[in-house]
Amino acid sequence: MPAPSPLTIATQSVQRLVKEEKYYRKELTQQSERVKKLEADLKEAGEDADSNAGFVLKQEQKAVDETRAIFAPLNKRIEEAVQRLEEQIAAAESENAPADEINKAKEALELGKSVEEPPVA
């Protein structure tokens, strides 16, 4: 089996980074929902609140902040991977690479360009 071409490597890189970004976005949503639930539970309990509840809430909020912090560098890596993929597509088209490989690369390119801006607080 021949080694993957630079175009294939660049395509897979963009696909992997986009998948990673979607995973972190999903994780952020889940963490935010947990924080809202904990805040609501804490308000509901009032003075009867478990002394540990405040600590748990802080830990969950810290996890949300850490997840949010991942988006800026991840999106920069996606931008760089998209740029490399564009260069590889141009090179592959000039070298008459297989059409299916170029089509997969273009689909990955669209995926990479469609990544939203990082969520804010």
PDB file of N, CA and C in Angstrom:
ATOM      1  N   MET A   1       0.848  -1.181   0.000  1.00  0.00           N
ATOM      2  CA  MET A   1       0.000   0.000   0.000  1.00  0.00           C
ATOM      3  C   MET A   1       0.896   1.247   0.000  1.00  0.00           C
ATOM      4  N   PRO A   2       0.683   2.135  -0.965  1.00  0.00           N
ATOM      5  CA  PRO A   2       1.529   3.327  -1.049  1.00  0.00           C
ATOM      6  C   PRO A   2       1.241   4.292   0.111  1.00  0.00           C
ATOM      7  N   ALA A   3       2.226   5.095   0.398  1.00  0.00           N
ATOM      8  CA  ALA A   3       2.054   6.102   1.448  1.00  0.00           C
ATOM      9  C   ALA A   3       0.997   7.114   1.008  1.00  0.00           C
ATOM     10  N   PRO A   4       0.244   7.654   1.966  1.00  0.00           N
ATOM     11  CA  PRO A   4      -0.777   8.637   1.583  1.00  0.00           C
ATOM     12  C   PRO A   4      -0.126   9.893   0.996  1.00  0.00           C
ATOM     13  N   SER A   5      -0.812  10.481   0.065  1.00  0.00           N
ATOM     14  CA  SER A   5      -0.291  11.687  -0.580  1.00  0.00           C
ATOM     15  C   SER A   5      -0.402  12.871   0.389  1.00  0.00           C
ATOM     16  N   PRO A   6       0.355  13.932   0.123  1.00  0.00           N
ATOM     17  CA  PRO A   6       0.252  15.127   0.964  1.00  0.00           C
ATOM     18  C   PRO A   6      -1.181  15.687   0.983  1.00  0.00           C
ATOM     19  N   LEU A   7      -1.892  15.541  -0.135  1.00  0.00           N
ATOM     20  CA  LEU A   7      -3.278  16.010  -0.202  1.00  0.00           C
ATOM     21  C   LEU A   7      -4.149  15.208   0.759  1.00  0.00           C
ATOM     22  N   THR A   8      -3.975  13.907   0.780  1.00  0.00           N
ATOM     23  CA  THR A   8      -4.750  13.048   1.678  1.00  0.00           C
ATOM     24  C   THR A   8      -4.437  13.375   3.135  1.00  0.00           C
ATOM     25  N   ILE A   9      -3.183  13.586   3.429  1.00  0.00           N
ATOM     26  CA  ILE A   9      -2.782  13.920   4.804  1.00  0.00           C
ATOM     27  C   ILE A   9      -3.414  15.245   5.228  1.00  0.00           C
ATOM     28  N   ALA A  10      -3.355  16.254   4.359  1.00  0.00           N
ATOM     29  CA  ALA A  10      -3.934  17.560   4.671  1.00  0.00           C
ATOM     30  C   ALA A  10      -5.455  17.454   4.830  1.00  0.00           C
ATOM     31  N   THR A  11      -6.079  16.637   3.996  1.00  0.00           N
ATOM     32  CA  THR A  11      -7.533  16.435   4.081  1.00  0.00           C
ATOM     33  C   THR A  11      -7.897  15.811   5.416  1.00  0.00           C
ATOM     34  N   GLN A  12      -7.196  14.758   5.791  1.00  0.00           N
ATOM     35  CA  GLN A  12      -7.487  14.073   7.039  1.00  0.00           C
ATOM     36  C   GLN A  12      -7.211  14.966   8.249  1.00  0.00           C
ATOM     37  N   SER A  13      -6.229  15.813   8.140  1.00  0.00           N
ATOM     38  CA  SER A  13      -5.907  16.736   9.225  1.00  0.00           C
ATOM     39  C   SER A  13      -7.067  17.705   9.472  1.00  0.00           C
ATOM     40  N   VAL A  14      -7.599  18.273   8.405  1.00  0.00           N
ATOM     41  CA  VAL A  14      -8.733  19.196   8.544  1.00  0.00           C
ATOM     42  C   VAL A  14      -9.938  18.452   9.114  1.00  0.00           C
ATOM     43  N   GLN A  15     -10.205  17.261   8.601  1.00  0.00           N
ATOM     44  CA  GLN A  15     -11.352  16.484   9.088  1.00  0.00           C
ATOM     45  C   GLN A  15     -11.216  16.187  10.583  1.00  0.00           C
ATOM     46  N   ARG A  16     -10.017  15.812  11.009  1.00  0.00           N
ATOM     47  CA  ARG A  16      -9.791  15.491  12.419  1.00  0.00           C
ATOM     48  C   ARG A  16      -9.977  16.724  13.303  1.00  0.00           C
ATOM     49  N   LEU A  17      -9.446  17.868  12.882  1.00  0.00           N
ATOM     50  CA  LEU A  17      -9.574  19.086  13.675  1.00  0.00           C
ATOM     51  C   LEU A  17     -11.018  19.562  13.764  1.00  0.00           C
ATOM     52  N   VAL A  18     -11.765  19.428  12.670  1.00  0.00           N
ATOM     53  CA  VAL A  18     -13.175  19.819  12.689  1.00  0.00           C
ATOM     54  C   VAL A  18     -13.956  18.902  13.630  1.00  0.00           C
ATOM     55  N   LYS A  19     -13.649  17.623  13.588  1.00  0.00           N
ATOM     56  CA  LYS A  19     -14.301  16.662  14.480  1.00  0.00           C
ATOM     57  C   LYS A  19     -13.974  16.991  15.944  1.00  0.00           C
ATOM     58  N   GLU A  20     -12.738  17.330  16.211  1.00  0.00           N
ATOM     59  CA  GLU A  20     -12.320  17.695  17.563  1.00  0.00           C
ATOM     60  C   GLU A  20     -13.070  18.946  18.032  1.00  0.00           C
ATOM     61  N   GLU A  21     -13.210  19.923  17.143  1.00  0.00           N
ATOM     62  CA  GLU A  21     -13.917  21.161  17.492  1.00  0.00           C
ATOM     63  C   GLU A  21     -15.368  20.879  17.824  1.00  0.00           C
ATOM     64  N   LYS A  22     -16.012  20.018  17.058  1.00  0.00           N
ATOM     65  CA  LYS A  22     -17.412  19.656  17.328  1.00  0.00           C
ATOM     66  C   LYS A  22     -17.538  18.960  18.677  1.00  0.00           C
ATOM     67  N   TYR A  23     -16.570  18.100  18.987  1.00  0.00           N
ATOM     68  CA  TYR A  23     -16.581  17.408  20.274  1.00  0.00           C
ATOM     69  C   TYR A  23     -16.496  18.414  21.423  1.00  0.00           C
ATOM     70  N   TYR A  24     -15.568  19.376  21.330  1.00  0.00           N
ATOM     71  CA  TYR A  24     -15.425  20.370  22.394  1.00  0.00           C
ATOM     72  C   TYR A  24     -16.663  21.257  22.498  1.00  0.00           C
ATOM     73  N   ARG A  25     -17.279  21.580  21.369  1.00  0.00           N
ATOM     74  CA  ARG A  25     -18.502  22.391  21.396  1.00  0.00           C
ATOM     75  C   ARG A  25     -19.615  21.625  22.130  1.00  0.00           C
ATOM     76  N   LYS A  26     -19.730  20.333  21.849  1.00  0.00           N
ATOM     77  CA  LYS A  26     -20.734  19.499  22.521  1.00  0.00           C
ATOM     78  C   LYS A  26     -20.433  19.413  24.020  1.00  0.00           C
ATOM     79  N   GLU A  27     -19.162  19.218  24.350  1.00  0.00           N
ATOM     80  CA  GLU A  27     -18.756  19.141  25.750  1.00  0.00           C
ATOM     81  C   GLU A  27     -19.068  20.450  26.478  1.00  0.00           C
ATOM     82  N   LEU A  28     -18.819  21.578  25.837  1.00  0.00           N
ATOM     83  CA  LEU A  28     -19.100  22.879  26.436  1.00  0.00           C
ATOM     84  C   LEU A  28     -20.590  23.036  26.716  1.00  0.00           C
ATOM     85  N   THR A  29     -21.415  22.598  25.788  1.00  0.00           N
ATOM     86  CA  THR A  29     -22.862  22.674  25.981  1.00  0.00           C
ATOM     87  C   THR A  29     -23.284  21.849  27.188  1.00  0.00           C
ATOM     88  N   GLN A  30     -22.768  20.635  27.285  1.00  0.00           N
ATOM     89  CA  GLN A  30     -23.111  19.767  28.415  1.00  0.00           C
ATOM     90  C   GLN A  30     -22.642  20.363  29.736  1.00  0.00           C
ATOM     91  N   GLN A  31     -21.434  20.902  29.756  1.00  0.00           N
ATOM     92  CA  GLN A  31     -20.909  21.490  30.982  1.00  0.00           C
ATOM     93  C   GLN A  31     -21.725  22.713  31.390  1.00  0.00           C
ATOM     94  N   SER A  32     -22.102  23.536  30.423  1.00  0.00           N
ATOM     95  CA  SER A  32     -22.892  24.730  30.718  1.00  0.00           C
ATOM     96  C   SER A  32     -24.240  24.347  31.305  1.00  0.00           C
ATOM     97  N   GLU A  33     -24.840  23.292  30.777  1.00  0.00           N
ATOM     98  CA  GLU A  33     -26.125  22.836  31.314  1.00  0.00           C
ATOM     99  C   GLU A  33     -25.970  22.351  32.754  1.00  0.00           C
ATOM    100  N   ARG A  34     -24.874  21.643  33.047  1.00  0.00           N
ATOM    101  CA  ARG A  34     -24.628  21.186  34.417  1.00  0.00           C
ATOM    102  C   ARG A  34     -24.461  22.365  35.366  1.00  0.00           C
ATOM    103  N   VAL A  35     -23.749  23.406  34.920  1.00  0.00           N
ATOM    104  CA  VAL A  35     -23.546  24.593  35.754  1.00  0.00           C
ATOM    105  C   VAL A  35     -24.889  25.261  36.036  1.00  0.00           C
ATOM    106  N   LYS A  36     -25.724  25.402  35.014  1.00  0.00           N
ATOM    107  CA  LYS A  36     -27.043  26.026  35.217  1.00  0.00           C
ATOM    108  C   LYS A  36     -27.875  25.227  36.199  1.00  0.00           C
ATOM    109  N   LYS A  37     -27.813  23.901  36.091  1.00  0.00           N
ATOM    110  CA  LYS A  37     -28.571  23.046  36.999  1.00  0.00           C
ATOM    111  C   LYS A  37     -28.050  23.190  38.420  1.00  0.00           C
ATOM    112  N   LEU A  38     -26.740  23.196  38.578  1.00  0.00           N
ATOM    113  CA  LEU A  38     -26.160  23.355  39.916  1.00  0.00           C
ATOM    114  C   LEU A  38     -26.511  24.714  40.516  1.00  0.00           C
ATOM    115  N   GLU A  39     -26.473  25.769  39.692  1.00  0.00           N
ATOM    116  CA  GLU A  39     -26.840  27.105  40.177  1.00  0.00           C
ATOM    117  C   GLU A  39     -28.289  27.134  40.621  1.00  0.00           C
ATOM    118  N   ALA A  40     -29.166  26.521  39.833  1.00  0.00           N
ATOM    119  CA  ALA A  40     -30.579  26.475  40.186  1.00  0.00           C
ATOM    120  C   ALA A  40     -30.789  25.675  41.478  1.00  0.00           C
ATOM    121  N   ASP A  41     -30.109  24.548  41.600  1.00  0.00           N
ATOM    122  CA  ASP A  41     -30.221  23.733  42.810  1.00  0.00           C
ATOM    123  C   ASP A  41     -29.717  24.495  44.032  1.00  0.00           C
ATOM    124  N   LEU A  42     -28.653  25.248  43.851  1.00  0.00           N
ATOM    125  CA  LEU A  42     -28.073  26.001  44.955  1.00  0.00           C
ATOM    126  C   LEU A  42     -29.021  27.119  45.405  1.00  0.00           C
ATOM    127  N   LYS A  43     -29.631  27.804  44.443  1.00  0.00           N
ATOM    128  CA  LYS A  43     -30.597  28.858  44.779  1.00  0.00           C
ATOM    129  C   LYS A  43     -31.815  28.271  45.475  1.00  0.00           C
ATOM    130  N   GLU A  44     -32.265  27.133  44.979  1.00  0.00           N
ATOM    131  CA  GLU A  44     -33.449  26.475  45.532  1.00  0.00           C
ATOM    132  C   GLU A  44     -33.203  26.031  46.971  1.00  0.00           C
ATOM    133  N   ALA A  45     -32.017  25.523  47.232  1.00  0.00           N
ATOM    134  CA  ALA A  45     -31.689  25.033  48.566  1.00  0.00           C
ATOM    135  C   ALA A  45     -31.500  26.190  49.543  1.00  0.00           C
ATOM    136  N   GLY A  46     -31.056  27.331  49.030  1.00  0.00           N
ATOM    137  CA  GLY A  46     -30.872  28.505  49.882  1.00  0.00           C
ATOM    138  C   GLY A  46     -29.876  28.235  50.987  1.00  0.00           C
ATOM    139  N   GLU A  47     -30.291  28.511  52.235  1.00  0.00           N
ATOM    140  CA  GLU A  47     -29.391  28.334  53.376  1.00  0.00           C
ATOM    141  C   GLU A  47     -29.240  26.874  53.759  1.00  0.00           C
ATOM    142  N   ASP A  48     -30.109  26.035  53.260  1.00  0.00           N
ATOM    143  CA  ASP A  48     -30.020  24.603  53.549  1.00  0.00           C
ATOM    144  C   ASP A  48     -29.014  23.908  52.623  1.00  0.00           C
ATOM    145  N   ALA A  49     -28.346  24.695  51.790  1.00  0.00           N
ATOM    146  CA  ALA A  49     -27.442  24.121  50.775  1.00  0.00           C
ATOM    147  C   ALA A  49     -26.295  23.354  51.420  1.00  0.00           C
ATOM    148  N   ASP A  50     -25.945  22.293  50.761  1.00  0.00           N
ATOM    149  CA  ASP A  50     -24.808  21.478  51.161  1.00  0.00           C
ATOM    150  C   ASP A  50     -23.539  22.328  51.028  1.00  0.00           C
ATOM    151  N   SER A  51     -22.675  22.281  52.004  1.00  0.00           N
ATOM    152  CA  SER A  51     -21.459  23.099  51.957  1.00  0.00           C
ATOM    153  C   SER A  51     -20.566  22.712  50.783  1.00  0.00           C
ATOM    154  N   ASN A  52     -20.722  21.497  50.304  1.00  0.00           N
ATOM    155  CA  ASN A  52     -19.939  21.013  49.170  1.00  0.00           C
ATOM    156  C   ASN A  52     -20.497  21.524  47.837  1.00  0.00           C
ATOM    157  N   ALA A  53     -21.756  21.939  47.818  1.00  0.00           N
ATOM    158  CA  ALA A  53     -22.403  22.358  46.574  1.00  0.00           C
ATOM    159  C   ALA A  53     -21.694  23.560  45.949  1.00  0.00           C
ATOM    160  N   GLY A  54     -21.274  24.506  46.767  1.00  0.00           N
ATOM    161  CA  GLY A  54     -20.571  25.680  46.254  1.00  0.00           C
ATOM    162  C   GLY A  54     -19.249  25.301  45.617  1.00  0.00           C
ATOM    163  N   PHE A  55     -18.553  24.380  46.247  1.00  0.00           N
ATOM    164  CA  PHE A  55     -17.275  23.910  45.709  1.00  0.00           C
ATOM    165  C   PHE A  55     -17.478  23.201  44.367  1.00  0.00           C
ATOM    166  N   VAL A  56     -18.494  22.344  44.307  1.00  0.00           N
ATOM    167  CA  VAL A  56     -18.782  21.600  43.071  1.00  0.00           C
ATOM    168  C   VAL A  56     -19.118  22.579  41.950  1.00  0.00           C
ATOM    169  N   LEU A  57     -19.903  23.598  42.286  1.00  0.00           N
ATOM    170  CA  LEU A  57     -20.267  24.606  41.287  1.00  0.00           C
ATOM    171  C   LEU A  57     -19.014  25.321  40.767  1.00  0.00           C
ATOM    172  N   LYS A  58     -18.122  25.704  41.650  1.00  0.00           N
ATOM    173  CA  LYS A  58     -16.884  26.373  41.224  1.00  0.00           C
ATOM    174  C   LYS A  58     -16.063  25.471  40.317  1.00  0.00           C
ATOM    175  N   GLN A  59     -15.977  24.194  40.659  1.00  0.00           N
ATOM    176  CA  GLN A  59     -15.220  23.253  39.839  1.00  0.00           C
ATOM    177  C   GLN A  59     -15.832  23.120  38.445  1.00  0.00           C
ATOM    178  N   GLU A  60     -17.145  23.048  38.387  1.00  0.00           N
ATOM    179  CA  GLU A  60     -17.821  22.942  37.084  1.00  0.00           C
ATOM    180  C   GLU A  60     -17.618  24.213  36.264  1.00  0.00           C
ATOM    181  N   GLN A  61     -17.675  25.372  36.923  1.00  0.00           N
ATOM    182  CA  GLN A  61     -17.452  26.632  36.209  1.00  0.00           C
ATOM    183  C   GLN A  61     -16.010  26.702  35.692  1.00  0.00           C
ATOM    184  N   LYS A  62     -15.074  26.196  36.472  1.00  0.00           N
ATOM    185  CA  LYS A  62     -13.682  26.162  36.045  1.00  0.00           C
ATOM    186  C   LYS A  62     -13.524  25.264  34.814  1.00  0.00           C
ATOM    187  N   ALA A  63     -14.225  24.131  34.814  1.00  0.00           N
ATOM    188  CA  ALA A  63     -14.174  23.224  33.667  1.00  0.00           C
ATOM    189  C   ALA A  63     -14.731  23.899  32.414  1.00  0.00           C
ATOM    190  N   VAL A  64     -15.800  24.667  32.572  1.00  0.00           N
ATOM    191  CA  VAL A  64     -16.381  25.398  31.436  1.00  0.00           C
ATOM    192  C   VAL A  64     -15.364  26.401  30.896  1.00  0.00           C
ATOM    193  N   ASP A  65     -14.720  27.139  31.809  1.00  0.00           N
ATOM    194  CA  ASP A  65     -13.727  28.133  31.384  1.00  0.00           C
ATOM    195  C   ASP A  65     -12.549  27.478  30.658  1.00  0.00           C
ATOM    196  N   GLU A  66     -12.114  26.323  31.169  1.00  0.00           N
ATOM    197  CA  GLU A  66     -11.002  25.620  30.528  1.00  0.00           C
ATOM    198  C   GLU A  66     -11.390  25.117  29.138  1.00  0.00           C
ATOM    199  N   THR A  67     -12.609  24.645  29.007  1.00  0.00           N
ATOM    200  CA  THR A  67     -13.072  24.183  27.699  1.00  0.00           C
ATOM    201  C   THR A  67     -13.163  25.352  26.733  1.00  0.00           C
ATOM    202  N   ARG A  68     -13.680  26.501  27.207  1.00  0.00           N
ATOM    203  CA  ARG A  68     -13.763  27.685  26.346  1.00  0.00           C
ATOM    204  C   ARG A  68     -12.378  28.117  25.872  1.00  0.00           C
ATOM    205  N   ALA A  69     -11.382  27.974  26.738  1.00  0.00           N
ATOM    206  CA  ALA A  69     -10.026  28.407  26.407  1.00  0.00           C
ATOM    207  C   ALA A  69      -9.414  27.568  25.283  1.00  0.00           C
ATOM    208  N   ILE A  70      -9.953  26.402  25.049  1.00  0.00           N
ATOM    209  CA  ILE A  70      -9.426  25.509  24.004  1.00  0.00           C
ATOM    210  C   ILE A  70      -9.751  26.029  22.607  1.00  0.00           C
ATOM    211  N   PHE A  71     -10.855  26.759  22.472  1.00  0.00           N
ATOM    212  CA  PHE A  71     -11.343  27.125  21.144  1.00  0.00           C
ATOM    213  C   PHE A  71     -10.419  28.053  20.362  1.00  0.00           C
ATOM    214  N   ALA A  72      -9.805  29.034  20.997  1.00  0.00           N
ATOM    215  CA  ALA A  72      -8.953  29.977  20.251  1.00  0.00           C
ATOM    216  C   ALA A  72      -7.774  29.260  19.589  1.00  0.00           C
ATOM    217  N   PRO A  73      -6.971  28.487  20.338  1.00  0.00           N
ATOM    218  CA  PRO A  73      -5.859  27.801  19.658  1.00  0.00           C
ATOM    219  C   PRO A  73      -6.334  26.737  18.668  1.00  0.00           C
ATOM    220  N   LEU A  74      -7.437  26.071  18.991  1.00  0.00           N
ATOM    221  CA  LEU A  74      -7.960  25.039  18.091  1.00  0.00           C
ATOM    222  C   LEU A  74      -8.413  25.665  16.779  1.00  0.00           C
ATOM    223  N   ASN A  75      -9.107  26.787  16.850  1.00  0.00           N
ATOM    224  CA  ASN A  75      -9.557  27.439  15.622  1.00  0.00           C
ATOM    225  C   ASN A  75      -8.377  27.965  14.806  1.00  0.00           C
ATOM    226  N   LYS A  76      -7.308  28.378  15.486  1.00  0.00           N
ATOM    227  CA  LYS A  76      -6.107  28.806  14.764  1.00  0.00           C
ATOM    228  C   LYS A  76      -5.500  27.617  14.024  1.00  0.00           C
ATOM    229  N   ARG A  77      -5.459  26.462  14.685  1.00  0.00           N
ATOM    230  CA  ARG A  77      -4.937  25.254  14.035  1.00  0.00           C
ATOM    231  C   ARG A  77      -5.810  24.857  12.850  1.00  0.00           C
ATOM    232  N   ILE A  78      -7.124  25.025  12.989  1.00  0.00           N
ATOM    233  CA  ILE A  78      -8.024  24.712  11.874  1.00  0.00           C
ATOM    234  C   ILE A  78      -7.740  25.647  10.699  1.00  0.00           C
ATOM    235  N   GLU A  79      -7.579  26.939  10.986  1.00  0.00           N
ATOM    236  CA  GLU A  79      -7.279  27.905   9.921  1.00  0.00           C
ATOM    237  C   GLU A  79      -5.983  27.535   9.194  1.00  0.00           C
ATOM    238  N   GLU A  80      -4.967  27.165   9.962  1.00  0.00           N
ATOM    239  CA  GLU A  80      -3.681  26.788   9.357  1.00  0.00           C
ATOM    240  C   GLU A  80      -3.828  25.520   8.516  1.00  0.00           C
ATOM    241  N   ALA A  81      -4.592  24.550   9.025  1.00  0.00           N
ATOM    242  CA  ALA A  81      -4.801  23.305   8.280  1.00  0.00           C
ATOM    243  C   ALA A  81      -5.585  23.570   6.998  1.00  0.00           C
ATOM    244  N   VAL A  82      -6.560  24.469   7.062  1.00  0.00           N
ATOM    245  CA  VAL A  82      -7.347  24.828   5.874  1.00  0.00           C
ATOM    246  C   VAL A  82      -6.431  25.488   4.838  1.00  0.00           C
ATOM    247  N   GLN A  83      -5.553  26.360   5.300  1.00  0.00           N
ATOM    248  CA  GLN A  83      -4.628  27.026   4.378  1.00  0.00           C
ATOM    249  C   GLN A  83      -3.710  26.000   3.706  1.00  0.00           C
ATOM    250  N   ARG A  84      -3.184  25.063   4.490  1.00  0.00           N
ATOM    251  CA  ARG A  84      -2.320  24.014   3.909  1.00  0.00           C
ATOM    252  C   ARG A  84      -3.106  23.166   2.908  1.00  0.00           C
ATOM    253  N   LEU A  85      -4.352  22.875   3.246  1.00  0.00           N
ATOM    254  CA  LEU A  85      -5.182  22.065   2.356  1.00  0.00           C
ATOM    255  C   LEU A  85      -5.439  22.805   1.043  1.00  0.00           C
ATOM    256  N   GLU A  86      -5.689  24.108   1.121  1.00  0.00           N
ATOM    257  CA  GLU A  86      -5.884  24.885  -0.108  1.00  0.00           C
ATOM    258  C   GLU A  86      -4.640  24.804  -0.995  1.00  0.00           C
ATOM    259  N   GLU A  87      -3.467  24.902  -0.353  1.00  0.00           N
ATOM    260  CA  GLU A  87      -2.222  24.810  -1.121  1.00  0.00           C
ATOM    261  C   GLU A  87      -2.072  23.422  -1.745  1.00  0.00           C
ATOM    262  N   GLN A  88      -2.410  22.388  -0.993  1.00  0.00           N
ATOM    263  CA  GLN A  88      -2.297  21.019  -1.507  1.00  0.00           C
ATOM    264  C   GLN A  88      -3.298  20.769  -2.640  1.00  0.00           C
ATOM    265  N   ILE A  89      -4.490  21.342  -2.532  1.00  0.00           N
ATOM    266  CA  ILE A  89      -5.486  21.195  -3.603  1.00  0.00           C
ATOM    267  C   ILE A  89      -4.960  21.833  -4.881  1.00  0.00           C
ATOM    268  N   ALA A  90      -4.407  23.043  -4.745  1.00  0.00           N
ATOM    269  CA  ALA A  90      -3.863  23.732  -5.923  1.00  0.00           C
ATOM    270  C   ALA A  90      -2.738  22.909  -6.551  1.00  0.00           C
ATOM    271  N   ALA A  91      -1.865  22.369  -5.722  1.00  0.00           N
ATOM    272  CA  ALA A  91      -0.762  21.559  -6.239  1.00  0.00           C
ATOM    273  C   ALA A  91      -1.285  20.274  -6.882  1.00  0.00           C
ATOM    274  N   ALA A  92      -2.266  19.648  -6.266  1.00  0.00           N
ATOM    275  CA  ALA A  92      -2.811  18.399  -6.796  1.00  0.00           C
ATOM    276  C   ALA A  92      -3.530  18.625  -8.121  1.00  0.00           C
ATOM    277  N   GLU A  93      -4.227  19.749  -8.236  1.00  0.00           N
ATOM    278  CA  GLU A  93      -4.925  20.039  -9.493  1.00  0.00           C
ATOM    279  C   GLU A  93      -3.926  20.283 -10.624  1.00  0.00           C
ATOM    280  N   SER A  94      -2.808  20.907 -10.294  1.00  0.00           N
ATOM    281  CA  SER A  94      -1.806  21.157 -11.343  1.00  0.00           C
ATOM    282  C   SER A  94      -1.081  19.869 -11.730  1.00  0.00           C
ATOM    283  N   GLU A  95      -1.073  18.894 -10.823  1.00  0.00           N
ATOM    284  CA  GLU A  95      -0.407  17.614 -11.100  1.00  0.00           C
ATOM    285  C   GLU A  95      -1.384  16.544 -11.581  1.00  0.00           C
ATOM    286  N   ASN A  96      -2.625  16.923 -11.830  1.00  0.00           N
ATOM    287  CA  ASN A  96      -3.666  15.995 -12.280  1.00  0.00           C
ATOM    288  C   ASN A  96      -3.837  14.803 -11.328  1.00  0.00           C
ATOM    289  N   ALA A  97      -4.033  15.115 -10.054  1.00  0.00           N
ATOM    290  CA  ALA A  97      -4.264  14.071  -9.044  1.00  0.00           C
ATOM    291  C   ALA A  97      -5.631  13.437  -9.293  1.00  0.00           C
ATOM    292  N   PRO A  98      -5.894  12.276  -8.711  1.00  0.00           N
ATOM    293  CA  PRO A  98      -7.196  11.630  -8.889  1.00  0.00           C
ATOM    294  C   PRO A  98      -8.347  12.543  -8.456  1.00  0.00           C
ATOM    295  N   ALA A  99      -9.395  12.550  -9.268  1.00  0.00           N
ATOM    296  CA  ALA A  99     -10.532  13.442  -9.024  1.00  0.00           C
ATOM    297  C   ALA A  99     -11.215  13.161  -7.688  1.00  0.00           C
ATOM    298  N   ASP A 100     -11.333  11.884  -7.311  1.00  0.00           N
ATOM    299  CA  ASP A 100     -12.020  11.576  -6.053  1.00  0.00           C
ATOM    300  C   ASP A 100     -11.234  12.112  -4.857  1.00  0.00           C
ATOM    301  N   GLU A 101      -9.925  12.095  -4.944  1.00  0.00           N
ATOM    302  CA  GLU A 101      -9.076  12.628  -3.868  1.00  0.00           C
ATOM    303  C   GLU A 101      -9.260  14.149  -3.760  1.00  0.00           C
ATOM    304  N   ILE A 102      -9.320  14.809  -4.904  1.00  0.00           N
ATOM    305  CA  ILE A 102      -9.516  16.265  -4.923  1.00  0.00           C
ATOM    306  C   ILE A 102     -10.905  16.606  -4.401  1.00  0.00           C
ATOM    307  N   ASN A 103     -11.919  15.825  -4.776  1.00  0.00           N
ATOM    308  CA  ASN A 103     -13.280  16.087  -4.295  1.00  0.00           C
ATOM    309  C   ASN A 103     -13.371  15.934  -2.780  1.00  0.00           C
ATOM    310  N   LYS A 104     -12.742  14.894  -2.229  1.00  0.00           N
ATOM    311  CA  LYS A 104     -12.733  14.706  -0.774  1.00  0.00           C
ATOM    312  C   LYS A 104     -12.048  15.881  -0.093  1.00  0.00           C
ATOM    313  N   ALA A 105     -10.974  16.348  -0.709  1.00  0.00           N
ATOM    314  CA  ALA A 105     -10.236  17.479  -0.146  1.00  0.00           C
ATOM    315  C   ALA A 105     -11.096  18.739  -0.145  1.00  0.00           C
ATOM    316  N   LYS A 106     -11.829  18.944  -1.226  1.00  0.00           N
ATOM    317  CA  LYS A 106     -12.688  20.132  -1.305  1.00  0.00           C
ATOM    318  C   LYS A 106     -13.825  20.061  -0.287  1.00  0.00           C
ATOM    319  N   GLU A 107     -14.358  18.858  -0.050  1.00  0.00           N
ATOM    320  CA  GLU A 107     -15.402  18.696   0.970  1.00  0.00           C
ATOM    321  C   GLU A 107     -14.834  19.021   2.350  1.00  0.00           C
ATOM    322  N   ALA A 108     -13.636  18.529   2.633  1.00  0.00           N
ATOM    323  CA  ALA A 108     -12.987  18.815   3.913  1.00  0.00           C
ATOM    324  C   ALA A 108     -12.695  20.308   4.040  1.00  0.00           C
ATOM    325  N   LEU A 109     -12.338  20.933   2.939  1.00  0.00           N
ATOM    326  CA  LEU A 109     -12.060  22.364   2.933  1.00  0.00           C
ATOM    327  C   LEU A 109     -13.317  23.146   3.331  1.00  0.00           C
ATOM    328  N   GLU A 110     -14.446  22.757   2.763  1.00  0.00           N
ATOM    329  CA  GLU A 110     -15.711  23.418   3.113  1.00  0.00           C
ATOM    330  C   GLU A 110     -16.038  23.210   4.589  1.00  0.00           C
ATOM    331  N   LEU A 111     -15.797  21.993   5.087  1.00  0.00           N
ATOM    332  CA  LEU A 111     -16.017  21.718   6.512  1.00  0.00           C
ATOM    333  C   LEU A 111     -15.148  22.643   7.373  1.00  0.00           C
ATOM    334  N   GLY A 112     -13.901  22.736   7.006  1.00  0.00           N
ATOM    335  CA  GLY A 112     -12.973  23.587   7.764  1.00  0.00           C
ATOM    336  C   GLY A 112     -13.355  25.034   7.742  1.00  0.00           C
ATOM    337  N   LYS A 113     -13.833  25.516   6.620  1.00  0.00           N
ATOM    338  CA  LYS A 113     -14.239  26.914   6.506  1.00  0.00           C
ATOM    339  C   LYS A 113     -15.563  27.188   7.222  1.00  0.00           C
ATOM    340  N   SER A 114     -16.365  26.151   7.438  1.00  0.00           N
ATOM    341  CA  SER A 114     -17.675  26.342   8.057  1.00  0.00           C
ATOM    342  C   SER A 114     -17.625  26.368   9.582  1.00  0.00           C
ATOM    343  N   VAL A 115     -16.444  26.117  10.145  1.00  0.00           N
ATOM    344  CA  VAL A 115     -16.322  26.128  11.610  1.00  0.00           C
ATOM    345  C   VAL A 115     -16.654  27.508  12.124  1.00  0.00           C
ATOM    346  N   GLU A 116     -17.517  27.532  13.120  1.00  0.00           N
ATOM    347  CA  GLU A 116     -17.982  28.807  13.685  1.00  0.00           C
ATOM    348  C   GLU A 116     -16.907  29.426  14.563  1.00  0.00           C
ATOM    349  N   GLU A 117     -17.129  30.700  14.859  1.00  0.00           N
ATOM    350  CA  GLU A 117     -16.233  31.380  15.782  1.00  0.00           C
ATOM    351  C   GLU A 117     -16.362  30.751  17.153  1.00  0.00           C
ATOM    352  N   PRO A 118     -15.336  30.841  17.969  1.00  0.00           N
ATOM    353  CA  PRO A 118     -15.410  30.219  19.289  1.00  0.00           C
ATOM    354  C   PRO A 118     -16.519  30.838  20.131  1.00  0.00           C
ATOM    355  N   PRO A 119     -17.181  30.026  20.946  1.00  0.00           N
ATOM    356  CA  PRO A 119     -18.234  30.546  21.814  1.00  0.00           C
ATOM    357  C   PRO A 119     -17.641  31.470  22.878  1.00  0.00           C
ATOM    358  N   VAL A 120     -18.416  32.462  23.258  1.00  0.00           N
ATOM    359  CA  VAL A 120     -17.967  33.400  24.281  1.00  0.00           C
ATOM    360  C   VAL A 120     -18.769  33.213  25.552  1.00  0.00           C
ATOM    361  N   ALA A 121     -18.282  33.778  26.614  1.00  0.00           N
ATOM    362  CA  ALA A 121     -18.926  33.610  27.929  1.00  0.00           C
ATOM    363  C   ALA A 121     -20.330  34.159  27.958  1.00  0.00           C
TER     364      ALA A 121
END
